[in-house]
Amino acid sequence: YNFTLVDLYQLTNKIDFLNKKILNIIHNNFLLKEQQLENANYEI
């Protein structure tokens, strides 16, 4: 099948079944908005 352990390693780093990438983007956006809000409150 021409499928090696290296192929498995690459595969398990690719399939995002927990949607970690999306969650990280949401989390990072949340942190950014939180920081922006904190900065705005500081200026006020």
All heavy atoms as atom14 arrays in JSON, in Angstrom:
{
  "sequence": "YNFTLVDLYQLTNKIDFLNKKILNIIHNNFLLKEQQLENANYEI",
  "atom14_mask": [
    [1, 1, 1, 1, 1, 1, 1, 1, 1, 1, 1, 1, 0, 0],
    [1, 1, 1, 1, 1, 1, 1, 1, 0, 0, 0, 0, 0, 0],
    [1, 1, 1, 1, 1, 1, 1, 1, 1, 1, 1, 0, 0, 0],
    [1, 1, 1, 1, 1, 1, 1, 0, 0, 0, 0, 0, 0, 0],
    [1, 1, 1, 1, 1, 1, 1, 1, 0, 0, 0, 0, 0, 0],
    [1, 1, 1, 1, 1, 1, 1, 0, 0, 0, 0, 0, 0, 0],
    [1, 1, 1, 1, 1, 1, 1, 1, 0, 0, 0, 0, 0, 0],
    [1, 1, 1, 1, 1, 1, 1, 1, 0, 0, 0, 0, 0, 0],
    [1, 1, 1, 1, 1, 1, 1, 1, 1, 1, 1, 1, 0, 0],
    [1, 1, 1, 1, 1, 1, 1, 1, 1, 0, 0, 0, 0, 0],
    [1, 1, 1, 1, 1, 1, 1, 1, 0, 0, 0, 0, 0, 0],
    [1, 1, 1, 1, 1, 1, 1, 0, 0, 0, 0, 0, 0, 0],
    [1, 1, 1, 1, 1, 1, 1, 1, 0, 0, 0, 0, 0, 0],
    [1, 1, 1, 1, 1, 1, 1, 1, 1, 0, 0, 0, 0, 0],
    [1, 1, 1, 1, 1, 1, 1, 1, 0, 0, 0, 0, 0, 0],
    [1, 1, 1, 1, 1, 1, 1, 1, 0, 0, 0, 0, 0, 0],
    [1, 1, 1, 1, 1, 1, 1, 1, 1, 1, 1, 0, 0, 0],
    [1, 1, 1, 1, 1, 1, 1, 1, 0, 0, 0, 0, 0, 0],
    [1, 1, 1, 1, 1, 1, 1, 1, 0, 0, 0, 0, 0, 0],
    [1, 1, 1, 1, 1, 1, 1, 1, 1, 0, 0, 0, 0, 0],
    [1, 1, 1, 1, 1, 1, 1, 1, 1, 0, 0, 0, 0, 0],
    [1, 1, 1, 1, 1, 1, 1, 1, 0, 0, 0, 0, 0, 0],
    [1, 1, 1, 1, 1, 1, 1, 1, 0, 0, 0, 0, 0, 0],
    [1, 1, 1, 1, 1, 1, 1, 1, 0, 0, 0, 0, 0, 0],
    [1, 1, 1, 1, 1, 1, 1, 1, 0, 0, 0, 0, 0, 0],
    [1, 1, 1, 1, 1, 1, 1, 1, 0, 0, 0, 0, 0, 0],
    [1, 1, 1, 1, 1, 1, 1, 1, 1, 1, 0, 0, 0, 0],
    [1, 1, 1, 1, 1, 1, 1, 1, 0, 0, 0, 0, 0, 0],
    [1, 1, 1, 1, 1, 1, 1, 1, 0, 0, 0, 0, 0, 0],
    [1, 1, 1, 1, 1, 1, 1, 1, 1, 1, 1, 0, 0, 0],
    [1, 1, 1, 1, 1, 1, 1, 1, 0, 0, 0, 0, 0, 0],
    [1, 1, 1, 1, 1, 1, 1, 1, 0, 0, 0, 0, 0, 0],
    [1, 1, 1, 1, 1, 1, 1, 1, 1, 0, 0, 0, 0, 0],
    [1, 1, 1, 1, 1, 1, 1, 1, 1, 0, 0, 0, 0, 0],
    [1, 1, 1, 1, 1, 1, 1, 1, 1, 0, 0, 0, 0, 0],
    [1, 1, 1, 1, 1, 1, 1, 1, 1, 0, 0, 0, 0, 0],
    [1, 1, 1, 1, 1, 1, 1, 1, 0, 0, 0, 0, 0, 0],
    [1, 1, 1, 1, 1, 1, 1, 1, 1, 0, 0, 0, 0, 0],
    [1, 1, 1, 1, 1, 1, 1, 1, 0, 0, 0, 0, 0, 0],
    [1, 1, 1, 1, 1, 0, 0, 0, 0, 0, 0, 0, 0, 0],
    [1, 1, 1, 1, 1, 1, 1, 1, 0, 0, 0, 0, 0, 0],
    [1, 1, 1, 1, 1, 1, 1, 1, 1, 1, 1, 1, 0, 0],
    [1, 1, 1, 1, 1, 1, 1, 1, 1, 0, 0, 0, 0, 0],
    [1, 1, 1, 1, 1, 1, 1, 1, 0, 0, 0, 0, 0, 0]
  ],
  "atom14_positions": [
    [[0.81, -1.22, 0.0], [0.0, 0.0, 0.0], [0.84, 1.27, 0.0], [0.28, 2.37, -0.02], [-0.94, 0.0, 1.21], [-2.01, -1.05, 1.12], [-1.83, -2.31, 1.68], [-3.2, -0.8, 0.45], [-2.81, -3.29, 1.59], [-4.19, -1.77, 0.36], [-3.99, -3.01, 0.93], [-4.97, -3.98, 0.83], [0.0, 0.0, 0.0], [0.0, 0.0, 0.0]],
    [[2.16, 1.09, 0.06], [3.07, 2.24, 0.05], [2.73, 3.24, 1.15], [2.84, 4.45, 0.98], [3.04, 2.92, -1.32], [4.23, 3.86, -1.52], [5.32, 3.62, -0.98], [4.03, 4.92, -2.28], [0.0, 0.0, 0.0], [0.0, 0.0, 0.0], [0.0, 0.0, 0.0], [0.0, 0.0, 0.0], [0.0, 0.0, 0.0], [0.0, 0.0, 0.0]],
    [[2.29, 2.71, 2.28], [1.92, 3.54, 3.43], [2.86, 3.21, 4.57], [2.87, 2.09, 5.09], [0.47, 3.29, 3.83], [-0.05, 4.25, 4.87], [-0.65, 5.45, 4.48], [0.06, 3.98, 6.23], [-1.14, 6.34, 5.41], [-0.42, 4.87, 7.17], [-1.02, 6.05, 6.77], [0.0, 0.0, 0.0], [0.0, 0.0, 0.0], [0.0, 0.0, 0.0]],
    [[3.65, 4.19, 4.99], [4.68, 3.98, 6.0], [4.3, 4.64, 7.32], [3.28, 5.33, 7.41], [6.02, 4.56, 5.52], [5.89, 5.99, 5.48], [6.37, 4.05, 4.12], [0.0, 0.0, 0.0], [0.0, 0.0, 0.0], [0.0, 0.0, 0.0], [0.0, 0.0, 0.0], [0.0, 0.0, 0.0], [0.0, 0.0, 0.0], [0.0, 0.0, 0.0]],
    [[5.16, 4.46, 8.3], [4.93, 5.13, 9.58], [5.01, 6.65, 9.45], [4.29, 7.38, 10.13], [5.95, 4.65, 10.62], [5.75, 3.22, 11.15], [6.9, 2.83, 12.06], [4.42, 3.11, 11.89], [0.0, 0.0, 0.0], [0.0, 0.0, 0.0], [0.0, 0.0, 0.0], [0.0, 0.0, 0.0], [0.0, 0.0, 0.0], [0.0, 0.0, 0.0]],
    [[5.88, 7.11, 8.55], [5.98, 8.55, 8.3], [4.65, 9.09, 7.79], [4.2, 10.18, 8.18], [7.12, 8.86, 7.31], [7.12, 10.34, 6.93], [8.46, 8.47, 7.9], [0.0, 0.0, 0.0], [0.0, 0.0, 0.0], [0.0, 0.0, 0.0], [0.0, 0.0, 0.0], [0.0, 0.0, 0.0], [0.0, 0.0, 0.0], [0.0, 0.0, 0.0]],
    [[3.99, 8.32, 6.93], [2.68, 8.72, 6.42], [1.67, 8.81, 7.56], [0.82, 9.71, 7.59], [2.18, 7.74, 5.36], [3.04, 7.74, 4.12], [3.33, 8.84, 3.62], [3.43, 6.65, 3.66], [0.0, 0.0, 0.0], [0.0, 0.0, 0.0], [0.0, 0.0, 0.0], [0.0, 0.0, 0.0], [0.0, 0.0, 0.0], [0.0, 0.0, 0.0]],
    [[1.76, 7.87, 8.49], [0.86, 7.89, 9.64], [1.12, 9.12, 10.51], [0.17, 9.79, 10.95], [1.02, 6.62, 10.48], [0.16, 6.56, 11.75], [-1.32, 6.57, 11.41], [0.51, 5.32, 12.57], [0.0, 0.0, 0.0], [0.0, 0.0, 0.0], [0.0, 0.0, 0.0], [0.0, 0.0, 0.0], [0.0, 0.0, 0.0], [0.0, 0.0, 0.0]],
    [[2.39, 9.43, 10.73], [2.74, 10.6, 11.54], [2.17, 11.88, 10.91], [1.63, 12.75, 11.61], [4.26, 10.75, 11.67], [4.97, 9.56, 12.24], [6.3, 9.29, 11.89], [4.33, 8.68, 13.11], [6.97, 8.19, 12.42], [4.99, 7.58, 13.64], [6.31, 7.34, 13.28], [6.97, 6.25, 13.78], [0.0, 0.0, 0.0], [0.0, 0.0, 0.0]],
    [[2.31, 11.99, 9.6], [1.8, 13.17, 8.9], [0.27, 13.22, 8.97], [-0.33, 14.29, 9.13], [2.27, 13.16, 7.44], [3.77, 13.33, 7.29], [4.24, 13.18, 5.86], [3.52, 12.63, 5.02], [5.45, 13.63, 5.58], [0.0, 0.0, 0.0], [0.0, 0.0, 0.0], [0.0, 0.0, 0.0], [0.0, 0.0, 0.0], [0.0, 0.0, 0.0]],
    [[-0.34, 12.05, 8.87], [-1.8, 11.96, 8.89], [-2.37, 12.39, 10.24], [-3.33, 13.16, 10.31], [-2.23, 10.53, 8.58], [-3.71, 10.27, 8.33], [-4.2, 11.03, 7.11], [-3.95, 8.77, 8.13], [0.0, 0.0, 0.0], [0.0, 0.0, 0.0], [0.0, 0.0, 0.0], [0.0, 0.0, 0.0], [0.0, 0.0, 0.0], [0.0, 0.0, 0.0]],
    [[-1.75, 11.91, 11.31], [-2.27, 12.22, 12.64], [-2.01, 13.67, 13.05], [-2.58, 14.15, 14.02], [-1.66, 11.28, 13.71], [-0.22, 11.3, 13.61], [-2.14, 9.86, 13.49], [0.0, 0.0, 0.0], [0.0, 0.0, 0.0], [0.0, 0.0, 0.0], [0.0, 0.0, 0.0], [0.0, 0.0, 0.0], [0.0, 0.0, 0.0], [0.0, 0.0, 0.0]],
    [[-1.17, 14.34, 12.29], [-0.94, 15.77, 12.53], [-1.82, 16.63, 11.65], [-1.84, 17.86, 11.76], [0.53, 16.13, 12.28], [0.9, 17.48, 12.85], [0.48, 17.83, 13.94], [1.66, 18.25, 12.09], [0.0, 0.0, 0.0], [0.0, 0.0, 0.0], [0.0, 0.0, 0.0], [0.0, 0.0, 0.0], [0.0, 0.0, 0.0], [0.0, 0.0, 0.0]],
    [[-2.58, 15.98, 10.78], [-3.39, 16.7, 9.78], [-4.87, 16.67, 10.11], [-5.56, 17.68, 9.93], [-3.14, 16.08, 8.4], [-3.98, 16.68, 7.29], [-3.7, 15.96, 5.98], [-4.58, 16.51, 4.85], [-4.35, 15.79, 3.58], [0.0, 0.0, 0.0], [0.0, 0.0, 0.0], [0.0, 0.0, 0.0], [0.0, 0.0, 0.0], [0.0, 0.0, 0.0]],
    [[-5.37, 15.53, 10.58], [-6.81, 15.39, 10.8], [-7.2, 16.06, 12.11], [-6.86, 15.59, 13.19], [-7.24, 13.91, 10.79], [-6.94, 13.29, 9.42], [-8.72, 13.76, 11.13], [-7.29, 11.82, 9.33], [0.0, 0.0, 0.0], [0.0, 0.0, 0.0], [0.0, 0.0, 0.0], [0.0, 0.0, 0.0], [0.0, 0.0, 0.0], [0.0, 0.0, 0.0]],
    [[-7.92, 17.14, 11.99], [-8.28, 17.96, 13.15], [-9.7, 17.62, 13.61], [-10.62, 18.4, 13.44], [-8.17, 19.44, 12.78], [-8.37, 20.37, 13.96], [-8.26, 19.89, 15.1], [-8.64, 21.55, 13.73], [0.0, 0.0, 0.0], [0.0, 0.0, 0.0], [0.0, 0.0, 0.0], [0.0, 0.0, 0.0], [0.0, 0.0, 0.0], [0.0, 0.0, 0.0]],
    [[-9.84, 16.44, 14.21], [-11.2, 15.97, 14.55], [-11.81, 16.74, 15.7], [-13.03, 16.7, 15.9], [-11.18, 14.47, 14.84], [-10.6, 14.09, 16.18], [-11.43, 13.73, 17.23], [-9.23, 14.07, 16.38], [-10.91, 13.38, 18.45], [-8.7, 13.72, 17.6], [-9.54, 13.37, 18.64], [0.0, 0.0, 0.0], [0.0, 0.0, 0.0], [0.0, 0.0, 0.0]],
    [[-11.02, 17.46, 16.47], [-11.55, 18.28, 17.56], [-11.7, 19.75, 17.17], [-12.03, 20.59, 18.0], [-10.64, 18.17, 18.79], [-10.62, 16.83, 19.5], [-9.61, 16.86, 20.65], [-12.0, 16.46, 20.03], [0.0, 0.0, 0.0], [0.0, 0.0, 0.0], [0.0, 0.0, 0.0], [0.0, 0.0, 0.0], [0.0, 0.0, 0.0], [0.0, 0.0, 0.0]],
    [[-11.43, 20.02, 15.87], [-11.51, 21.4, 15.38], [-10.62, 22.34, 16.2], [-11.0, 23.48, 16.51], [-12.96, 21.9, 15.4], [-13.83, 21.16, 14.4], [-13.41, 20.9, 13.28], [-15.03, 20.78, 14.82], [0.0, 0.0, 0.0], [0.0, 0.0, 0.0], [0.0, 0.0, 0.0], [0.0, 0.0, 0.0], [0.0, 0.0, 0.0], [0.0, 0.0, 0.0]],
    [[-9.43, 21.84, 16.54], [-8.51, 22.64, 17.34], [-8.11, 23.93, 16.64], [-7.96, 24.98, 17.28], [-7.26, 21.81, 17.64], [-7.46, 20.67, 18.62], [-7.3, 21.15, 20.04], [-7.3, 20.0, 21.01], [-6.99, 20.41, 22.38], [0.0, 0.0, 0.0], [0.0, 0.0, 0.0], [0.0, 0.0, 0.0], [0.0, 0.0, 0.0], [0.0, 0.0, 0.0]],
    [[-7.91, 23.86, 15.33], [-7.49, 25.06, 14.6], [-8.55, 26.15, 14.69], [-8.24, 27.31, 14.93], [-7.2, 24.71, 13.14], [-5.96, 23.85, 12.94], [-5.72, 23.55, 11.47], [-4.47, 22.7, 11.3], [-4.22, 22.37, 9.86], [0.0, 0.0, 0.0], [0.0, 0.0, 0.0], [0.0, 0.0, 0.0], [0.0, 0.0, 0.0], [0.0, 0.0, 0.0]],
    [[-9.8, 25.73, 14.49], [-10.89, 26.7, 14.56], [-11.0, 27.27, 15.98], [-11.17, 28.47, 16.18], [-12.22, 26.05, 14.12], [-12.15, 25.65, 12.65], [-13.4, 27.0, 14.36], [-13.37, 24.93, 12.15], [0.0, 0.0, 0.0], [0.0, 0.0, 0.0], [0.0, 0.0, 0.0], [0.0, 0.0, 0.0], [0.0, 0.0, 0.0], [0.0, 0.0, 0.0]],
    [[-10.91, 26.36, 16.97], [-11.01, 26.8, 18.35], [-9.88, 27.76, 18.72], [-10.08, 28.73, 19.46], [-11.0, 25.59, 19.29], [-12.25, 24.7, 19.22], [-12.07, 23.47, 20.1], [-13.48, 25.47, 19.66], [0.0, 0.0, 0.0], [0.0, 0.0, 0.0], [0.0, 0.0, 0.0], [0.0, 0.0, 0.0], [0.0, 0.0, 0.0], [0.0, 0.0, 0.0]],
    [[-8.67, 27.48, 18.19], [-7.54, 28.36, 18.46], [-7.75, 29.74, 17.84], [-7.41, 30.77, 18.44], [-6.24, 27.74, 17.94], [-5.7, 26.67, 18.87], [-6.02, 26.66, 20.05], [-4.91, 25.77, 18.33], [0.0, 0.0, 0.0], [0.0, 0.0, 0.0], [0.0, 0.0, 0.0], [0.0, 0.0, 0.0], [0.0, 0.0, 0.0], [0.0, 0.0, 0.0]],
    [[-8.31, 29.76, 16.63], [-8.59, 31.03, 15.97], [-9.61, 31.83, 16.78], [-9.45, 33.03, 17.01], [-9.11, 30.8, 14.53], [-7.99, 30.22, 13.65], [-9.65, 32.09, 13.93], [-8.44, 29.8, 12.27], [0.0, 0.0, 0.0], [0.0, 0.0, 0.0], [0.0, 0.0, 0.0], [0.0, 0.0, 0.0], [0.0, 0.0, 0.0], [0.0, 0.0, 0.0]],
    [[-10.67, 31.14, 17.21], [-11.7, 31.8, 18.03], [-11.11, 32.32, 19.33], [-11.37, 33.44, 19.76], [-12.87, 30.82, 18.31], [-13.6, 30.48, 17.01], [-13.85, 31.42, 19.32], [-14.66, 29.4, 17.16], [0.0, 0.0, 0.0], [0.0, 0.0, 0.0], [0.0, 0.0, 0.0], [0.0, 0.0, 0.0], [0.0, 0.0, 0.0], [0.0, 0.0, 0.0]],
    [[-10.27, 31.46, 19.95], [-9.65, 31.84, 21.22], [-8.73, 33.05, 21.04], [-8.77, 34.0, 21.84], [-8.86, 30.66, 21.78], [-8.15, 30.96, 23.06], [-8.82, 31.24, 24.23], [-6.82, 31.03, 23.36], [-7.95, 31.46, 25.21], [-6.74, 31.34, 24.7], [0.0, 0.0, 0.0], [0.0, 0.0, 0.0], [0.0, 0.0, 0.0], [0.0, 0.0, 0.0]],
    [[-7.93, 33.01, 19.98], [-7.02, 34.13, 19.74], [-7.78, 35.42, 19.42], [-7.37, 36.51, 19.86], [-6.06, 33.79, 18.59], [-5.06, 32.71, 18.98], [-4.77, 32.53, 20.16], [-4.56, 31.98, 18.0], [0.0, 0.0, 0.0], [0.0, 0.0, 0.0], [0.0, 0.0, 0.0], [0.0, 0.0, 0.0], [0.0, 0.0, 0.0], [0.0, 0.0, 0.0]],
    [[-8.87, 35.29, 18.67], [-9.69, 36.48, 18.39], [-10.31, 37.03, 19.67], [-10.42, 38.24, 19.85], [-10.79, 36.13, 17.39], [-10.25, 35.99, 15.98], [-9.17, 36.5, 15.67], [-10.99, 35.31, 15.11], [0.0, 0.0, 0.0], [0.0, 0.0, 0.0], [0.0, 0.0, 0.0], [0.0, 0.0, 0.0], [0.0, 0.0, 0.0], [0.0, 0.0, 0.0]],
    [[-10.71, 36.11, 20.54], [-11.29, 36.53, 21.82], [-10.25, 37.29, 22.65], [-10.54, 38.34, 23.21], [-11.79, 35.31, 22.59], [-12.25, 35.63, 23.99], [-13.49, 36.21, 24.21], [-11.44, 35.36, 25.08], [-13.91, 36.52, 25.49], [-11.86, 35.66, 26.37], [-13.1, 36.24, 26.57], [0.0, 0.0, 0.0], [0.0, 0.0, 0.0], [0.0, 0.0, 0.0]],
    [[-9.02, 36.73, 22.69], [-7.96, 37.4, 23.44], [-7.65, 38.76, 22.85], [-7.39, 39.74, 23.57], [-6.7, 36.53, 23.46], [-6.78, 35.22, 24.25], [-5.47, 34.46, 24.14], [-7.12, 35.49, 25.72], [0.0, 0.0, 0.0], [0.0, 0.0, 0.0], [0.0, 0.0, 0.0], [0.0, 0.0, 0.0], [0.0, 0.0, 0.0], [0.0, 0.0, 0.0]],
    [[-7.68, 38.85, 21.51], [-7.41, 40.12, 20.85], [-8.48, 41.15, 21.2], [-8.18, 42.29, 21.55], [-7.34, 39.92, 19.34], [-7.11, 41.17, 18.48], [-5.78, 41.83, 18.85], [-7.14, 40.83, 17.0], [0.0, 0.0, 0.0], [0.0, 0.0, 0.0], [0.0, 0.0, 0.0], [0.0, 0.0, 0.0], [0.0, 0.0, 0.0], [0.0, 0.0, 0.0]],
    [[-9.74, 40.71, 21.12], [-10.85, 41.62, 21.44], [-10.77, 42.04, 22.91], [-11.03, 43.2, 23.25], [-12.19, 40.94, 21.16], [-12.45, 40.6, 19.7], [-12.59, 41.86, 18.85], [-12.95, 41.5, 17.41], [-13.02, 42.7, 16.54], [0.0, 0.0, 0.0], [0.0, 0.0, 0.0], [0.0, 0.0, 0.0], [0.0, 0.0, 0.0], [0.0, 0.0, 0.0]],
    [[-10.41, 41.09, 23.76], [-10.3, 41.38, 25.19], [-9.21, 42.41, 25.44], [-9.38, 43.34, 26.24], [-10.01, 40.09, 25.96], [-10.1, 40.22, 27.46], [-9.86, 38.91, 28.16], [-8.85, 38.25, 27.85], [-10.69, 38.52, 29.01], [0.0, 0.0, 0.0], [0.0, 0.0, 0.0], [0.0, 0.0, 0.0], [0.0, 0.0, 0.0], [0.0, 0.0, 0.0]],
    [[-8.08, 42.25, 24.72], [-6.98, 43.21, 24.88], [-7.37, 44.58, 24.34], [-7.06, 45.61, 24.95], [-5.74, 42.69, 24.14], [-4.5, 43.57, 24.33], [-4.06, 43.62, 25.79], [-3.92, 42.59, 26.43], [-3.86, 44.84, 26.29], [0.0, 0.0, 0.0], [0.0, 0.0, 0.0], [0.0, 0.0, 0.0], [0.0, 0.0, 0.0], [0.0, 0.0, 0.0]],
    [[-8.08, 44.6, 23.21], [-8.53, 45.86, 22.64], [-9.49, 46.57, 23.59], [-9.43, 47.79, 23.75], [-9.19, 45.61, 21.28], [-8.22, 45.18, 20.19], [-8.93, 44.78, 18.92], [-10.13, 44.51, 18.92], [-8.19, 44.76, 17.82], [0.0, 0.0, 0.0], [0.0, 0.0, 0.0], [0.0, 0.0, 0.0], [0.0, 0.0, 0.0], [0.0, 0.0, 0.0]],
    [[-10.39, 45.77, 24.2], [-11.34, 46.35, 25.14], [-10.62, 46.9, 26.38], [-10.95, 47.98, 26.88], [-12.37, 45.28, 25.56], [-13.47, 45.73, 26.53], [-14.28, 46.86, 25.92], [-14.36, 44.55, 26.9], [0.0, 0.0, 0.0], [0.0, 0.0, 0.0], [0.0, 0.0, 0.0], [0.0, 0.0, 0.0], [0.0, 0.0, 0.0], [0.0, 0.0, 0.0]],
    [[-9.62, 46.15, 26.84], [-8.85, 46.6, 28.0], [-8.1, 47.89, 27.68], [-8.07, 48.83, 28.5], [-7.86, 45.51, 28.41], [-7.07, 45.82, 29.67], [-6.16, 44.69, 30.08], [-6.48, 43.53, 29.75], [-5.12, 44.96, 30.69], [0.0, 0.0, 0.0], [0.0, 0.0, 0.0], [0.0, 0.0, 0.0], [0.0, 0.0, 0.0], [0.0, 0.0, 0.0]],
    [[-7.54, 47.97, 26.47], [-6.84, 49.19, 26.06], [-7.81, 50.37, 25.97], [-7.48, 51.49, 26.38], [-6.16, 48.99, 24.71], [-5.01, 48.01, 24.79], [-4.49, 47.76, 25.88], [-4.61, 47.46, 23.66], [0.0, 0.0, 0.0], [0.0, 0.0, 0.0], [0.0, 0.0, 0.0], [0.0, 0.0, 0.0], [0.0, 0.0, 0.0], [0.0, 0.0, 0.0]],
    [[-9.01, 50.1, 25.44], [-10.02, 51.17, 25.31], [-10.45, 51.65, 26.69], [-10.58, 52.87, 26.92], [-11.22, 50.65, 24.51], [0.0, 0.0, 0.0], [0.0, 0.0, 0.0], [0.0, 0.0, 0.0], [0.0, 0.0, 0.0], [0.0, 0.0, 0.0], [0.0, 0.0, 0.0], [0.0, 0.0, 0.0], [0.0, 0.0, 0.0], [0.0, 0.0, 0.0]],
    [[-10.65, 50.72, 27.61], [-11.03, 51.11, 28.97], [-9.94, 51.94, 29.64], [-10.22, 52.89, 30.39], [-11.34, 49.86, 29.81], [-12.65, 49.2, 29.42], [-13.53, 49.87, 28.88], [-12.78, 47.91, 29.69], [0.0, 0.0, 0.0], [0.0, 0.0, 0.0], [0.0, 0.0, 0.0], [0.0, 0.0, 0.0], [0.0, 0.0, 0.0], [0.0, 0.0, 0.0]],
    [[-8.7, 51.57, 29.37], [-7.57, 52.3, 29.94], [-7.55, 53.73, 29.42], [-7.35, 54.7, 30.18], [-6.26, 51.59, 29.6], [-5.03, 52.33, 30.05], [-4.69, 52.4, 31.41], [-4.2, 52.96, 29.12], [-3.56, 53.1, 31.82], [-3.07, 53.65, 29.52], [-2.75, 53.71, 30.87], [-1.63, 54.4, 31.28], [0.0, 0.0, 0.0], [0.0, 0.0, 0.0]],
    [[-7.78, 53.91, 28.11], [-7.77, 55.24, 27.52], [-8.93, 56.08, 28.04], [-8.8, 57.28, 28.3], [-7.84, 55.15, 25.99], [-6.59, 54.55, 25.34], [-5.36, 55.39, 25.65], [-5.46, 56.64, 25.73], [-4.27, 54.8, 25.82], [0.0, 0.0, 0.0], [0.0, 0.0, 0.0], [0.0, 0.0, 0.0], [0.0, 0.0, 0.0], [0.0, 0.0, 0.0]],
    [[-10.09, 55.44, 28.23], [-11.25, 56.15, 28.78], [-10.96, 56.62, 30.2], [-11.25, 57.77, 30.58], [-12.5, 55.24, 28.74], [-12.94, 55.0, 27.29], [-13.65, 55.87, 29.54], [-14.04, 53.98, 27.13], [0.0, 0.0, 0.0], [0.0, 0.0, 0.0], [0.0, 0.0, 0.0], [0.0, 0.0, 0.0], [0.0, 0.0, 0.0], [0.0, 0.0, 0.0]]
  ]
}
